[in-house]
Protein backbone atom coordinates (compact mmCIF):
# COMPACT_ATOMS: atom_id res chain seq x y z
CA MET A 1 12.49 145.91 120.56
CA ARG A 2 14.50 142.72 120.53
CA SER A 3 15.98 141.84 123.92
CA THR A 4 19.77 141.74 124.23
CA VAL A 5 22.25 139.87 126.38
CA LYS A 6 22.55 142.98 128.55
CA ASP A 7 18.79 143.03 129.10
CA VAL A 8 18.84 139.39 130.22
CA ALA A 9 21.84 140.04 132.48
CA ALA A 10 20.11 143.00 134.13
CA ARG A 11 16.90 141.01 134.69
CA ALA A 12 18.79 138.02 136.17
CA GLY A 13 21.21 140.17 138.18
CA VAL A 14 24.30 138.65 136.57
CA SER A 15 26.95 139.74 134.09
CA PRO A 16 26.50 139.50 130.29
CA LYS A 17 29.38 136.99 130.29
CA THR A 18 27.41 134.71 132.61
CA VAL A 19 24.43 134.89 130.27
CA SER A 20 26.69 133.88 127.36
CA ASN A 21 28.06 130.99 129.39
CA VAL A 22 24.54 129.72 130.06
CA VAL A 23 23.41 130.13 126.45
CA ASN A 24 26.50 128.54 124.91
CA GLY A 25 26.94 125.84 127.55
CA LEU A 26 30.72 125.99 127.22
CA VAL A 27 31.52 127.10 130.80
CA PRO A 28 29.97 125.47 133.91
CA VAL A 29 27.47 127.67 135.75
CA SER A 30 25.81 126.90 139.08
CA GLU A 31 22.29 125.51 138.87
CA ARG A 32 20.91 128.49 140.84
CA THR A 33 22.49 131.02 138.49
CA LYS A 34 21.49 129.00 135.44
CA ALA A 35 17.87 128.92 136.60
CA LYS A 36 17.85 132.72 137.07
CA VAL A 37 19.27 133.31 133.60
CA GLU A 38 16.89 130.85 131.94
CA ALA A 39 13.93 132.50 133.71
CA ALA A 40 15.05 135.92 132.46
CA ILE A 41 15.46 134.56 128.94
CA ALA A 42 11.90 133.21 129.03
CA GLU A 43 10.43 136.41 130.46
CA LEU A 44 12.14 138.62 127.87
CA ASP A 45 11.67 136.15 125.01
CA TYR A 46 15.37 136.50 124.30
CA ILE A 47 16.64 134.85 121.09
CA PRO A 48 20.45 134.50 120.71
CA ASN A 49 21.90 136.12 117.60
CA LEU A 50 23.47 133.05 116.01
CA SER A 51 25.07 135.03 113.19
CA ALA A 52 26.87 137.34 115.59
CA ARG A 53 27.92 134.41 117.75
CA GLY A 54 29.34 132.71 114.66
CA LEU A 55 31.40 135.76 113.77
CA ARG A 56 32.81 135.86 117.29
CA ASN A 57 33.79 132.21 117.67
CA GLY A 58 34.35 131.34 113.99
CA ARG A 59 31.62 128.69 113.96
CA SER A 60 28.33 128.37 112.16
CA GLY A 61 26.89 125.57 114.29
CA VAL A 62 26.10 123.64 111.10
CA ILE A 63 27.38 120.25 109.93
CA ALA A 64 26.89 119.26 106.29
CA LEU A 65 25.84 115.72 105.39
CA ALA A 66 26.31 114.79 101.73
CA LEU A 67 24.67 111.59 100.47
CA PRO A 68 24.51 110.27 96.89
CA ASP A 69 20.75 109.67 96.63
CA LEU A 70 18.25 110.92 99.20
CA GLY A 71 15.52 108.77 97.63
CA THR A 72 16.88 105.53 99.09
CA PRO A 73 15.92 103.98 102.45
CA TYR A 74 19.64 103.77 103.30
CA SER A 75 20.07 107.55 102.94
CA ALA A 76 16.90 108.25 104.91
CA GLU A 77 18.05 106.11 107.81
CA VAL A 78 21.58 107.57 107.82
CA ALA A 79 20.26 111.13 107.68
CA HIS A 80 17.70 110.49 110.44
CA ASN A 81 20.26 109.12 112.88
CA ILE A 82 22.87 111.80 112.19
CA VAL A 83 20.30 114.60 112.60
CA GLU A 84 19.08 113.11 115.89
CA VAL A 85 22.58 112.81 117.37
CA ALA A 86 23.56 116.28 116.15
CA HIS A 87 20.42 117.78 117.70
CA GLU A 88 21.30 116.22 121.04
CA GLN A 89 24.67 118.00 120.85
CA GLY A 90 23.18 121.35 119.84
CA TRP A 91 24.20 121.21 116.16
CA SER A 92 22.16 121.68 113.00
CA VAL A 93 22.60 119.48 109.92
CA GLN A 94 22.51 120.69 106.34
CA VAL A 95 21.59 117.69 104.19
CA GLU A 96 22.80 117.71 100.58
CA GLU A 97 22.38 115.29 97.67
CA THR A 98 25.41 114.82 95.43
CA GLY A 99 23.50 112.93 92.75
CA ARG A 100 26.44 110.54 92.40
CA ASP A 101 28.38 113.43 90.88
CA PRO A 102 31.97 113.93 92.16
CA HIS A 103 31.85 117.58 91.04
CA ARG A 104 29.03 118.27 93.49
CA GLU A 105 31.11 116.64 96.21
CA ILE A 106 33.99 118.97 95.34
CA ASP A 107 31.63 121.97 95.58
CA LEU A 108 30.67 120.96 99.12
CA VAL A 109 34.33 120.63 100.08
CA SER A 110 34.89 124.17 98.74
CA LYS A 111 32.10 125.45 101.00
CA ALA A 112 33.77 123.69 103.91
CA ARG A 113 37.02 125.50 103.13
CA ALA A 114 35.14 128.80 103.12
CA ASN A 115 34.03 128.08 106.72
CA LEU A 116 30.33 128.08 105.84
CA ILE A 117 30.01 124.79 107.71
CA ASP A 118 31.82 123.46 110.77
CA GLY A 119 32.11 119.85 109.65
CA LEU A 120 31.39 117.60 106.71
CA ILE A 121 30.16 114.01 106.53
CA LEU A 122 30.62 112.79 102.99
CA ASN A 123 29.48 109.54 101.35
CA PRO A 124 31.30 109.35 97.99
CA ILE A 125 30.34 106.86 95.31
CA ALA A 126 33.41 106.27 93.16
CA LEU A 127 36.60 104.78 94.58
CA ASP A 128 38.89 106.76 92.29
CA GLU A 129 37.06 110.12 92.28
CA SER A 130 37.08 111.17 95.91
CA ALA A 131 36.54 114.88 96.48
CA ILE A 132 39.08 114.74 99.30
CA ARG A 133 42.40 114.67 97.48
CA THR A 134 44.52 116.57 99.99
CA GLY A 135 44.07 117.53 103.61
CA GLY A 136 44.33 121.28 102.99
CA ASN A 137 42.38 123.88 104.94
CA LEU A 138 39.39 121.79 105.95
CA PRO A 139 37.12 121.59 108.97
CA PRO A 140 36.68 118.10 110.46
CA VAL A 141 35.67 115.70 107.68
CA VAL A 142 34.44 112.13 108.03
CA MET A 143 34.01 109.83 105.03
CA ILE A 144 31.44 107.03 105.18
CA GLY A 145 31.36 104.09 102.80
CA GLU A 146 34.25 102.92 100.65
CA VAL A 147 36.78 105.44 99.43
CA ASP A 148 40.48 105.14 98.68
CA GLN A 149 42.00 108.02 100.64
CA HIS A 150 44.10 108.56 103.73
CA GLN A 151 43.53 112.25 104.39
CA VAL A 152 40.53 112.27 106.75
CA ASP A 153 38.71 110.01 109.20
CA HIS A 154 36.74 107.16 107.69
CA VAL A 155 33.84 104.98 108.88
CA GLY A 156 32.98 101.97 106.76
CA LEU A 157 32.04 98.31 106.65
CA ASP A 158 34.01 95.31 105.47
CA ASN A 159 31.82 94.75 102.40
CA PHE A 160 34.32 92.38 100.83
CA SER A 161 34.11 89.91 103.72
CA ALA A 162 30.35 90.41 104.08
CA ALA A 163 29.70 89.49 100.43
CA ARG A 164 32.11 86.58 100.61
CA ASP A 165 30.51 85.21 103.79
CA MET A 166 26.97 85.55 102.38
CA THR A 167 27.97 83.67 99.24
CA LEU A 168 29.63 80.93 101.25
CA ALA A 169 26.53 80.69 103.48
CA LEU A 170 24.36 80.05 100.43
CA ALA A 171 26.84 77.52 99.11
CA ALA A 172 26.79 75.66 102.44
CA GLY A 173 23.31 74.44 101.49
CA GLY A 174 24.59 72.90 98.30
CA ARG A 175 23.90 75.83 95.98
CA ARG A 176 26.41 76.51 93.23
CA ARG A 177 24.62 78.85 90.80
CA ILE A 178 24.62 81.94 92.98
CA ALA A 179 23.80 85.32 91.47
CA ILE A 180 24.70 88.76 92.74
CA LEU A 181 22.23 91.61 92.20
CA GLY A 182 23.72 95.10 92.16
CA ALA A 183 27.12 94.00 90.85
CA THR A 184 29.74 96.37 89.48
CA ASP A 185 28.22 98.62 86.82
CA LYS A 186 29.23 101.51 84.62
CA ARG A 187 28.97 103.96 87.54
CA ARG A 188 31.79 102.18 89.30
CA ALA A 189 30.02 102.42 92.63
CA ALA A 190 32.53 101.66 95.36
CA THR A 191 30.28 99.43 97.44
CA ALA A 192 29.14 97.43 94.42
CA SER A 193 32.74 96.94 93.28
CA ILE A 194 33.94 95.67 96.63
CA ARG A 195 30.96 93.37 97.18
CA THR A 196 31.42 91.90 93.71
CA LEU A 197 35.05 91.13 94.51
CA GLY A 198 33.99 89.40 97.72
CA TYR A 199 31.40 87.37 95.81
CA ARG A 200 33.99 86.31 93.23
CA GLN A 201 36.46 85.36 95.94
CA ALA A 202 33.88 83.07 97.54
CA LEU A 203 33.27 81.33 94.20
CA LYS A 204 37.01 80.92 93.77
CA ASP A 205 37.31 79.43 97.26
CA LEU A 206 34.54 77.00 96.35
CA GLY A 207 36.15 76.07 93.06
CA VAL A 208 33.09 77.32 91.17
CA GLY A 209 33.64 78.83 87.74
CA HIS A 210 32.91 82.51 87.19
CA ASP A 211 29.69 83.10 85.24
CA PRO A 212 29.31 86.79 84.16
CA GLY A 213 25.63 86.12 83.47
CA LEU A 214 25.03 85.75 87.20
CA GLU A 215 26.44 89.20 87.95
CA ILE A 216 23.44 91.51 87.51
CA ALA A 217 24.03 95.25 87.54
CA CYS A 218 21.33 97.71 88.60
CA ASP A 219 20.95 100.76 86.36
CA GLU A 220 19.37 104.13 87.12
CA SER A 221 15.93 102.89 86.00
CA ALA A 222 15.92 100.03 88.50
CA PRO A 223 13.39 100.29 91.36
CA ARG A 224 14.56 101.50 94.78
CA TRP A 225 14.05 99.30 97.79
């Protein structure tokens, strides 16, 4: 039979509440008591019932991470680092791919409202199609990348200034025909749009005429780096 919290408590000579405190790590327990409980857990091969714990405290222990395209090196690196940090904190990460589709982002937000996940990290693509339209009944949500909203926390880069500075750096060597690869395209990708604006601003600052032929969009068939 599967061991219970009461079995562990009896083996360690402590109360079931103390066992829960050790397992959940939410209440400080003396090192001596903690060692006794952990030894009992190992001897009885006790496995906490995560579903029952979730019903009691209203948490699933899962954070959702939604990225546009899991086939890119960028997404792989972001997912790797988030999973590592979450693991250190005792959380699991559910990784989802939105496929650059705002409707799939909205579906994930609906799951968040249903309390199936405890937090959501969302990387939307389009500036004007954010899935987060109102605060509403949401768990903690963090947006990464560029998105025009003021409802939840946001982590992003100043892509406008970065593109402008890179263009100016190239121009400092005397270059004037400077192309941008991955410019604004029909998908209206937020990052591409903002970087293109920064590129154009640099050309304007330099007094260089705008040449649409030097703005090269990447379509879905383009190779991934």
